[in-house]
Protein backbone atom coordinates (compact mmCIF):
# COMPACT_ATOMS: atom_id res chain seq x y z
CA MET A 1 0.00 0.00 0.00
CA ASP A 2 1.37 3.44 -0.92
CA TRP A 3 1.45 5.76 2.09
CA TRP A 4 -0.28 8.61 0.27
CA ARG A 5 -3.20 6.32 -0.57
CA ALA A 6 -3.76 5.09 3.08
CA ARG A 7 -6.99 6.24 4.63
CA THR A 8 -5.96 6.03 8.32
CA TRP A 9 -2.90 7.27 10.13
CA GLN A 10 -2.11 3.71 11.19
CA GLU A 11 -2.02 2.61 7.59
CA GLN A 12 0.13 5.65 6.65
CA GLY A 13 2.64 4.85 9.41
CA ALA A 14 2.99 1.26 8.32
CA ALA A 15 3.55 2.32 4.74
CA LEU A 16 6.25 4.84 5.73
CA LEU A 17 8.10 2.16 7.73
CA ALA A 18 8.07 -0.08 4.66
CA VAL A 19 9.55 2.69 2.51
CA ALA A 20 12.30 3.32 5.09
CA ALA A 21 13.20 -0.37 5.17
CA ALA A 22 13.51 -0.41 1.40
CA LEU A 23 15.84 2.60 1.47
CA VAL A 24 18.07 0.92 4.07
CA ALA A 25 18.31 -2.20 1.92
CA THR A 26 19.23 -0.14 -1.13
CA ALA A 27 21.97 1.70 0.79
CA ALA A 28 23.44 -1.60 1.99
CA ALA A 29 23.58 -2.87 -1.57
CA LEU A 30 25.40 0.27 -2.72
CA VAL A 31 27.97 -0.09 0.06
CA PHE A 32 28.66 -3.64 -1.06
CA LEU A 33 29.08 -2.60 -4.66
CA LEU A 34 31.60 0.12 -3.64
CA SER A 35 33.52 -2.26 -1.42
CA ASP A 36 36.41 -4.56 -2.30
CA GLY A 37 33.95 -7.48 -2.49
CA ASP A 38 34.22 -8.56 1.15
CA GLY A 39 31.96 -5.91 2.64
CA THR A 40 34.90 -3.59 3.56
CA ARG A 41 34.70 -0.14 2.01
CA ALA A 42 37.39 0.62 -0.56
CA ALA A 43 39.88 3.38 0.27
CA GLU A 44 39.05 6.77 -1.24
CA PRO A 45 41.73 8.50 -3.37
CA GLN A 46 43.73 11.04 -1.38
CA PRO A 47 44.45 14.53 -2.73
CA THR A 48 48.00 15.25 -3.88
CA ALA A 49 49.93 18.47 -3.47
CA ALA A 50 49.53 20.86 -6.40
CA ALA A 51 52.68 21.51 -8.40
CA GLU A 52 53.66 23.08 -11.69
CA PRO A 53 53.65 20.21 -14.22
CA SER A 54 56.79 18.86 -15.86
CA PRO A 55 56.88 19.39 -19.64
CA SER A 56 56.38 16.42 -21.94
CA PRO A 57 59.20 15.78 -24.44
CA SER A 58 56.74 15.06 -27.23
CA ALA A 59 53.94 17.56 -26.70
CA SER A 60 53.15 20.94 -25.29
CA PRO A 61 52.87 20.80 -21.49
CA SER A 62 49.36 20.98 -20.13
CA SER A 63 47.73 20.35 -16.79
CA THR A 64 44.56 21.12 -14.91
CA ALA A 65 46.36 21.14 -11.55
CA ALA A 66 46.50 24.43 -9.72
CA PRO A 67 50.05 25.86 -9.65
CA THR A 68 51.98 26.10 -6.42
CA PRO A 69 51.91 29.72 -5.24
CA VAL A 70 55.20 31.51 -5.88
CA ARG A 71 56.19 33.82 -3.03
CA PHE A 72 59.36 35.26 -4.58
CA ALA A 73 59.96 35.64 -8.31
CA GLY A 74 62.07 37.61 -10.74
CA ILE A 75 60.49 40.96 -11.55
CA LEU A 76 61.31 40.59 -15.26
CA ASP A 77 60.86 36.89 -16.08
CA GLY A 78 58.84 35.54 -13.14
CA THR A 79 61.34 32.78 -12.36
CA PRO A 80 60.82 31.47 -8.80
CA MET A 81 63.47 32.55 -6.31
CA SER A 82 64.33 31.54 -2.78
CA GLU A 83 63.81 34.06 -0.03
CA VAL A 84 67.59 34.42 0.30
CA GLU A 85 67.93 35.16 -3.42
CA TRP A 86 65.06 37.64 -3.27
CA GLU A 87 66.50 39.52 -0.32
CA ALA A 88 69.84 39.78 -2.11
CA ARG A 89 68.31 41.24 -5.29
CA ARG A 90 65.21 43.14 -4.19
CA GLY A 91 66.96 46.51 -3.93
CA LEU A 92 68.47 46.40 -7.42
CA LEU A 93 67.43 48.06 -10.64
CA PRO A 94 67.26 46.10 -13.91
CA LEU A 95 70.47 46.27 -15.94
CA ALA A 96 70.05 46.75 -19.71
CA VAL A 97 73.07 46.32 -22.01
CA MET A 98 73.30 47.01 -25.75
CA ILE A 99 74.80 44.01 -27.60
CA ASP A 100 76.12 43.86 -31.15
CA ASN A 101 74.50 41.50 -33.68
CA SER A 102 76.59 42.20 -36.76
CA PRO A 103 78.31 39.17 -38.38
CA GLN A 104 81.64 40.13 -36.78
CA ALA A 105 80.03 39.99 -33.31
CA LEU A 106 79.17 36.28 -33.25
CA PRO A 107 78.95 34.55 -30.89
CA GLN A 108 77.75 36.95 -28.22
CA ALA A 109 78.19 36.58 -24.48
CA GLY A 110 75.52 37.39 -21.92
CA LEU A 111 72.31 36.64 -23.81
CA ALA A 112 72.02 33.26 -22.07
CA GLN A 113 71.86 34.92 -18.65
CA ALA A 114 69.33 37.62 -19.59
CA ASP A 115 65.81 37.71 -18.16
CA VAL A 116 64.50 39.61 -21.21
CA VAL A 117 66.08 40.29 -24.61
CA TYR A 118 64.85 42.81 -27.20
CA GLU A 119 65.91 42.53 -30.85
CA ALA A 120 65.13 45.26 -33.38
CA PHE A 121 66.46 46.94 -36.52
CA VAL A 122 69.24 49.47 -36.46
CA GLU A 123 70.82 51.09 -39.52
CA GLY A 124 72.32 49.00 -42.30
CA GLY A 125 69.57 46.38 -42.31
CA ILE A 126 70.97 44.56 -39.28
CA THR A 127 69.49 44.07 -35.84
CA ARG A 128 70.84 44.80 -32.38
CA PHE A 129 70.05 43.35 -28.96
CA MET A 130 69.28 44.87 -25.61
CA ALA A 131 69.73 42.23 -22.91
CA VAL A 132 68.11 43.00 -19.56
CA PHE A 133 69.26 41.38 -16.31
CA TRP A 134 67.83 41.38 -12.79
CA ARG A 135 67.88 37.88 -11.23
CA GLN A 136 71.59 37.48 -11.93
CA ASP A 137 74.51 39.56 -13.13
CA PRO A 138 76.20 38.25 -16.29
CA PRO A 139 79.81 37.14 -15.79
CA LEU A 140 80.56 38.61 -19.21
CA VAL A 141 78.51 40.60 -21.71
CA ALA A 142 79.91 41.27 -25.18
CA PRO A 143 80.23 42.85 -27.63
CA VAL A 144 78.76 46.05 -26.16
CA ARG A 145 77.62 48.54 -28.78
CA SER A 146 76.03 51.97 -29.08
CA ALA A 147 72.65 53.33 -28.03
CA ARG A 148 69.68 53.76 -30.35
CA THR A 149 66.40 55.52 -29.60
CA PRO A 150 64.01 52.50 -29.64
CA PHE A 151 66.15 50.76 -27.03
CA VAL A 152 66.42 53.90 -24.92
CA VAL A 153 62.61 53.95 -24.83
CA TRP A 154 62.47 50.33 -23.63
CA ALA A 155 65.19 50.94 -21.04
CA SER A 156 63.23 53.97 -19.87
CA GLU A 157 59.99 52.01 -19.40
CA LEU A 158 61.90 49.41 -17.36
CA GLY A 159 63.60 52.03 -15.20
CA ALA A 160 66.84 50.20 -16.01
CA LEU A 161 70.51 51.01 -15.78
CA TYR A 162 71.49 51.48 -19.44
CA ALA A 163 74.97 50.31 -20.51
CA HIS A 164 76.18 51.26 -23.99
CA ALA A 165 79.21 52.42 -25.97
CA GLY A 166 78.33 55.84 -27.35
CA GLY A 167 75.22 56.28 -29.43
CA ALA A 168 73.44 58.21 -32.14
CA GLU A 169 73.72 62.00 -31.84
CA THR A 170 71.43 63.69 -34.33
CA ALA A 171 69.32 66.79 -34.84
CA ASN A 172 66.19 64.65 -35.24
CA ASP A 173 64.17 62.23 -33.12
CA ALA A 174 66.90 59.57 -33.39
CA ASN A 175 69.10 61.55 -30.98
CA ALA A 176 69.66 58.69 -28.52
CA ILE A 177 72.44 60.41 -26.54
CA GLY A 178 70.37 63.55 -26.06
CA GLN A 179 67.35 61.50 -25.02
CA ILE A 180 69.34 59.62 -22.38
CA TYR A 181 70.06 62.94 -20.67
CA GLU A 182 66.67 64.53 -21.36
CA TRP A 183 64.71 61.55 -20.02
CA GLY A 184 66.91 60.95 -17.00
CA VAL A 185 67.92 57.43 -18.01
CA PHE A 186 70.44 55.80 -15.63
CA ASP A 187 73.38 56.14 -18.00
CA LEU A 188 76.39 53.78 -18.01
CA GLU A 189 78.44 55.20 -20.89
CA ALA A 190 81.50 53.13 -21.85
CA PHE A 191 83.51 56.20 -22.83
CA ALA A 192 82.79 58.39 -19.79
CA PRO A 193 84.20 57.86 -16.27
CA PRO A 194 83.37 56.33 -13.86
CA ALA A 195 81.29 53.89 -15.91
CA SER A 196 84.17 53.48 -18.38
CA ASP A 197 86.11 51.59 -15.70
CA ALA A 198 83.66 48.70 -16.09
CA PHE A 199 84.47 48.16 -19.79
CA PHE A 200 87.48 46.53 -21.46
CA ARG A 201 88.61 45.24 -24.87
CA MET A 202 88.89 41.50 -25.52
CA ASP A 203 92.00 40.21 -27.30
CA ASP A 204 90.31 37.59 -29.48
CA ARG A 205 88.13 39.94 -31.55
CA GLU A 206 88.63 42.94 -33.78
CA ALA A 207 87.50 46.38 -32.62
CA PRO A 208 84.84 47.72 -32.35
CA HIS A 209 83.30 44.26 -31.89
CA ASN A 210 85.41 43.45 -28.82
CA LEU A 211 84.12 45.76 -26.09
CA ALA A 212 83.01 43.82 -23.01
CA ALA A 213 81.93 44.26 -19.41
CA LYS A 214 80.97 42.25 -16.35
CA GLY A 215 77.62 42.69 -14.66
CA THR A 216 79.12 43.21 -11.21
CA ASP A 217 81.44 45.93 -12.54
CA LEU A 218 78.53 47.70 -14.24
CA ARG A 219 76.56 47.67 -10.99
CA ALA A 220 79.58 49.00 -9.10
CA ALA A 221 79.80 51.89 -11.57
CA ALA A 222 76.08 52.55 -11.11
CA GLY A 223 76.64 52.76 -7.37
CA GLU A 224 79.40 55.34 -7.86
CA LEU A 225 76.99 57.39 -9.99
CA GLY A 226 74.32 57.24 -7.29
CA TYR A 227 71.82 55.18 -9.27
CA GLN A 228 69.76 53.53 -6.56
CA GLY A 229 66.90 51.01 -6.42
CA PRO A 230 64.66 49.35 -5.63
CA SER A 231 62.81 49.01 -8.91
CA THR A 232 59.22 50.22 -9.17
CA LEU A 233 58.57 48.05 -12.23
CA GLN A 234 55.14 46.41 -12.41
CA PRO A 235 55.81 42.81 -13.56
CA TRP A 236 54.02 41.07 -16.38
CA PRO A 237 51.61 38.29 -15.31
CA PHE A 238 53.02 34.76 -15.17
CA LYS A 239 51.52 31.27 -15.07
CA ALA A 240 52.41 27.61 -14.75
CA ASP A 241 53.33 25.76 -17.93
CA GLY A 242 50.35 24.63 -20.01
CA GLY A 243 46.77 25.80 -19.99
CA THR A 244 47.02 27.03 -23.58
CA GLY A 245 45.47 24.06 -25.38
CA ARG A 246 42.92 26.20 -27.20
CA TYR A 247 45.66 27.88 -29.26
CA PRO A 248 47.26 26.46 -32.44
CA THR A 249 50.20 24.11 -32.05
CA VAL A 250 53.49 25.44 -33.44
CA ALA A 251 56.65 23.33 -33.68
CA ALA A 252 58.80 26.02 -35.30
CA PHE A 253 58.58 29.54 -36.63
CA GLU A 254 60.73 31.92 -38.65
CA VAL A 255 61.20 35.68 -38.40
CA ASP A 256 62.53 37.25 -41.60
CA PHE A 257 63.41 40.81 -40.66
CA SER A 258 64.21 42.04 -44.17
CA GLY A 259 61.41 40.14 -45.95
CA ARG A 260 63.96 38.96 -48.55
CA ARG A 261 65.36 35.95 -46.67
CA ASP A 262 68.84 37.41 -46.47
CA ALA A 263 71.17 35.12 -44.53
CA GLU A 264 71.77 37.73 -41.86
CA SER A 265 68.12 38.63 -41.31
CA VAL A 266 66.46 35.22 -40.88
CA ILE A 267 65.91 33.87 -37.36
CA GLN A 268 64.32 30.51 -36.63
CA TRP A 269 62.93 29.15 -33.37
CA TYR A 270 62.23 25.45 -32.72
CA TRP A 271 60.14 24.13 -29.83
CA ASP A 272 61.93 21.72 -27.49
CA GLY A 273 59.40 19.84 -25.34
CA ILE A 274 62.10 18.44 -23.03
CA THR A 275 63.15 21.87 -21.79
CA ALA A 276 59.78 23.51 -22.58
CA SER A 277 61.61 26.30 -24.39
CA TRP A 278 62.29 27.74 -27.84
CA LEU A 279 65.74 27.15 -29.35
CA ARG A 280 67.24 29.93 -31.46
CA PHE A 281 68.91 29.40 -34.84
CA GLN A 282 70.58 32.10 -36.94
CA ASP A 283 73.43 32.58 -39.42
CA GLY A 284 73.37 29.00 -40.65
CA GLY A 285 73.00 27.09 -37.38
CA PRO A 286 72.31 27.13 -33.65
CA ALA A 287 72.85 30.46 -31.90
CA ARG A 288 75.26 29.75 -29.05
CA ASP A 289 76.56 31.60 -26.03
CA ALA A 290 80.23 32.57 -26.41
CA GLU A 291 81.19 31.44 -22.92
CA THR A 292 79.27 28.20 -22.38
CA GLY A 293 78.77 27.06 -25.96
CA ARG A 294 75.16 26.20 -25.15
CA GLN A 295 72.39 27.01 -27.58
CA LEU A 296 70.28 30.02 -26.65
CA SER A 297 66.83 29.04 -25.40
CA PHE A 298 63.91 31.06 -24.07
CA ARG A 299 60.66 29.97 -22.43
CA ASN A 300 58.67 32.67 -24.23
CA VAL A 301 59.17 34.45 -27.57
CA VAL A 302 57.11 37.46 -28.64
CA VAL A 303 57.00 38.75 -32.21
CA MET A 304 55.83 42.35 -31.93
CA ARG A 305 54.97 44.23 -35.12
CA ALA A 306 55.36 48.02 -35.23
CA PRO A 307 55.63 50.53 -38.08
CA HIS A 308 59.08 52.05 -38.48
CA ASP A 309 60.87 54.55 -40.66
CA VAL A 310 64.42 55.46 -41.61
CA VAL A 311 64.71 59.09 -40.55
CA ASP A 312 68.07 60.29 -41.92
CA ASP A 313 70.87 59.57 -44.34
CA ALA A 314 72.74 57.66 -41.65
CA GLY A 315 69.95 55.08 -41.73
CA HIS A 316 68.71 55.49 -38.17
CA VAL A 317 65.47 53.56 -37.60
CA LEU A 318 62.60 54.75 -35.42
CA TYR A 319 59.64 52.57 -34.46
CA GLU A 320 56.15 53.69 -33.55
CA GLN A 321 56.36 52.38 -30.01
CA PHE A 322 53.27 54.05 -28.54
CA GLY A 323 49.67 53.05 -29.15
CA GLN A 324 49.00 49.47 -30.12
CA GLY A 325 49.78 46.89 -32.77
CA GLU A 326 49.79 43.21 -33.66
CA ALA A 327 51.83 40.61 -31.80
CA THR A 328 52.17 36.85 -31.56
CA VAL A 329 53.18 35.22 -28.29
CA PHE A 330 54.85 31.82 -28.59
CA LEU A 331 54.86 29.60 -25.50
CA ASP A 332 54.00 25.99 -24.57
CA GLY A 333 54.61 25.05 -28.22
CA ARG A 334 51.65 27.20 -29.26
CA ALA A 335 50.96 30.60 -30.81
CA ILE A 336 48.69 33.23 -29.25
CA SER A 337 47.46 36.04 -31.49
CA ALA A 338 47.77 39.17 -29.41
CA THR A 339 47.81 42.95 -29.34
CA TRP A 340 50.57 45.03 -27.77
CA ARG A 341 49.71 48.33 -26.06
CA LYS A 342 51.82 51.15 -24.66
CA LYS A 343 50.47 54.58 -23.70
CA ASP A 344 53.66 56.61 -23.42
CA ARG A 345 57.41 56.39 -22.93
CA THR A 346 57.37 55.28 -19.29
CA ASP A 347 54.33 52.99 -19.61
CA ARG A 348 55.07 49.25 -19.70
CA THR A 349 54.46 47.51 -23.04
CA ARG A 350 51.83 44.83 -22.41
CA PHE A 351 50.25 42.08 -24.47
CA TYR A 352 46.55 41.13 -24.64
CA ASP A 353 44.77 38.16 -26.20
CA ALA A 354 41.69 38.27 -28.44
CA ASP A 355 39.42 38.40 -25.37
CA GLY A 356 41.20 41.48 -24.04
CA GLN A 357 42.92 39.57 -21.23
CA GLU A 358 46.59 40.26 -20.58
CA VAL A 359 48.73 37.33 -21.74
CA ALA A 360 50.41 35.46 -18.89
CA PHE A 361 53.93 34.26 -19.70
CA ASN A 362 55.56 31.05 -18.57
CA ARG A 363 58.02 31.59 -15.78
CA GLY A 364 61.39 31.98 -17.44
CA PRO A 365 63.35 34.12 -19.92
CA ILE A 366 61.47 36.13 -22.55
CA PHE A 367 62.72 37.13 -26.01
CA ILE A 368 60.99 39.97 -27.87
CA GLU A 369 61.45 40.28 -31.63
CA VAL A 370 60.34 43.73 -32.81
CA VAL A 371 59.66 43.66 -36.55
CA GLY A 372 58.46 46.12 -39.15
CA PRO A 373 55.66 45.89 -41.73
CA GLU A 374 57.95 44.38 -44.36
CA SER A 375 59.16 41.60 -42.05
CA LEU A 376 57.73 38.11 -42.51
CA LEU A 377 56.57 35.60 -39.93
CA PHE A 378 56.18 31.93 -40.87
CA THR A 379 54.86 29.24 -38.51
CA ALA A 380 54.98 25.45 -38.96
CA ALA A 381 53.06 22.72 -37.17
CA THR A 382 55.92 20.23 -37.62
CA PRO A 383 59.68 20.67 -37.17
CA ASP A 384 60.32 20.07 -40.89
CA GLY A 385 57.78 22.69 -41.93
CA LEU A 386 60.33 25.49 -42.36
CA GLU A 387 62.86 25.94 -45.12
CA ALA A 388 66.50 25.53 -44.15
CA LEU A 389 68.30 28.66 -43.05
CA PRO A 390 69.77 30.56 -46.02
CA PRO A 391 73.42 29.74 -46.85
CA TYR A 392 75.67 31.79 -44.62
CA GLU A 393 79.28 32.84 -45.18
CA PRO A 394 81.04 34.17 -42.06
CA PRO A 395 82.87 37.44 -42.72
CA PRO A 396 86.65 37.21 -43.08
CA PRO A 397 88.68 38.50 -40.13
CA GLY A 398 90.13 41.93 -40.53
CA PRO A 399 90.12 45.48 -39.22
CA ALA A 400 86.86 47.31 -38.79
CA ASP A 401 85.71 49.79 -41.40
CA GLU A 402 84.57 52.29 -38.77
CA PRO A 403 86.47 54.33 -36.17
CA THR A 404 86.96 52.68 -32.78
CA PRO A 405 86.77 55.02 -29.77
CA THR A 406 89.45 54.60 -27.16
CA LEU A 407 88.51 53.82 -23.58
CA PRO A 408 89.69 56.44 -21.10
CA PRO A 409 92.33 55.30 -18.60
CA PRO A 410 90.99 53.61 -15.44
CA SER A 411 90.18 55.86 -12.52
CA PRO A 412 93.05 55.72 -9.97
CA THR A 413 90.62 55.17 -7.08
CA ARG A 414 88.65 52.39 -8.76
CA LYS A 415 89.26 48.86 -7.54
CA PRO A 416 90.41 46.44 -10.24
CA SER A 417 88.19 43.71 -11.65
CA PRO A 418 88.13 40.57 -9.46
CA THR A 419 90.04 38.67 -12.15
CA GLY A 420 92.94 41.12 -11.96
CA THR A 421 93.11 41.38 -15.74
CA ARG A 422 91.41 43.36 -18.47
CA THR A 423 91.20 40.28 -20.71
CA PRO A 424 88.70 37.70 -19.39
CA ALA A 425 89.41 34.01 -19.40
CA ARG A 426 87.69 32.28 -22.29
CA THR A 427 86.27 28.75 -22.29
CA ALA A 428 86.10 26.49 -25.31
CA SER A 429 82.69 25.91 -26.83
CA PRO A 430 81.67 22.25 -26.41
CA ALA A 431 80.87 20.32 -29.54
CA THR A 432 77.41 19.33 -28.35
CA PRO A 433 74.67 21.47 -26.78
CA GLY A 434 73.41 21.01 -23.25
CA PRO A 435 70.86 18.46 -22.00
CA GLY A 436 67.45 18.57 -23.61
CA VAL A 437 68.58 20.53 -26.66
CA THR A 438 67.45 19.20 -30.01
CA PRO A 439 69.86 18.90 -32.95
CA THR A 440 70.11 21.38 -35.79
CA PRO A 441 67.04 21.06 -38.01
CA PRO A 442 67.50 19.23 -41.32
CA THR A 443 68.93 21.14 -44.26
CA THR A 444 66.96 19.26 -46.92
CA VAL A 445 63.43 20.53 -47.44
CA ALA A 446 60.66 20.37 -49.97
CA PRO A 447 60.71 22.91 -52.84
CA THR A 448 57.72 24.74 -51.39
CA LYS A 449 57.35 26.11 -47.89
CA PRO A 450 54.60 24.29 -45.95
CA VAL A 451 53.61 26.98 -43.51
CA ALA A 452 50.53 27.64 -41.48
CA THR A 453 50.81 31.41 -41.48
CA LYS A 454 52.47 33.97 -43.76
CA THR A 455 52.44 37.66 -43.09
CA PRO A 456 52.57 39.42 -46.48
CA ALA A 457 55.44 41.67 -47.41
CA SER A 458 55.15 45.37 -47.98
CA ALA A 459 57.88 47.96 -48.46
CA THR A 460 61.55 47.08 -48.75
CA PRO A 461 63.55 48.41 -45.77
CA ARG A 462 65.78 51.35 -46.44
């Protein structure tokens, strides 16, 4: 009898008791089914501690686990730090150093230790680097070259110490030296004491591609000049590896600065799942650090497109660095279509996805390629999807075809470099790259370029 159909309260009570008994029997059956078969309840899975996932060697890293909170991290690249490391660095300003990228400058020293690297056009159709350090001081940075306005703007937005060897002095908006003084940039000029004491010439290169410095010496010079921290920089957002599965997979991509595939203007990046980083190739093969011989690798690479113009007969290049423009952020073996934005000179350049959310980088070094409208970007879903690098002929050794300024004599009160010599010890480059680094991509390719994306060319650079 159903309890709601009973006519008396006695009948309703009896019906309810019957329903309760049936529910008890059902519960007992469920317990048995969830047991190990002997009536004992099976153990429930225990939660595990959340941690940032390890990258897979064959695929882009991804995980749904919540990342472990990071208490202390690099202000430029978000790399986790111990409390001891943080306390030792927290009062320091970023250190930005101009680095040569002409054929005579290879291989460079210092890029492997940088938190952030900018690469952009200078005159003559070649690019130049600005390497920025905060978590660690480079044991050697070379070859140091001259200042250019676009890099002065980036150093200014970072509030960085700015190390360079001279610079453009013009009557137009490419007047980098005048802007350093006008904008109050923390200037470390190689040819002006006391900063000049931090620089020296290497014996194994031809001038002017042999000027070098040590990070600790540059910071000592900054202290003598009264340049004090701590930094007020607002960091970019960072995330654990993975979480980008909705974006297209990219195994390799190519940046052709000139748009003509000249040997000296083509850069390729290949994804290495073992190290969860992008490996850099240029000038016919892997780009290596001069001191360690290891291939350069970065956790994040940004290709940032900005209009530019050659503003004088000397070929000085100026970019439109304020406003907004297109960008592509490469991380986790994927490509994120983005927009860069920067309000004014001191505002931080930031990157936003199609939903208007600021892109969070993986924790680790960041490389920013700044290209013009005529530059080309190719992406490939497989490692063999790019053409081989153009044939490259290293330049013959010989004297430079430009005047080489002379360093002023060391200040008599300045302490010597810890090595006690102006020529640093050099280490041989090993024949093989470090652990987790993939070999040079194959040189034999199909006649046509199988690419997923091609940015069309426009004007030829001047």
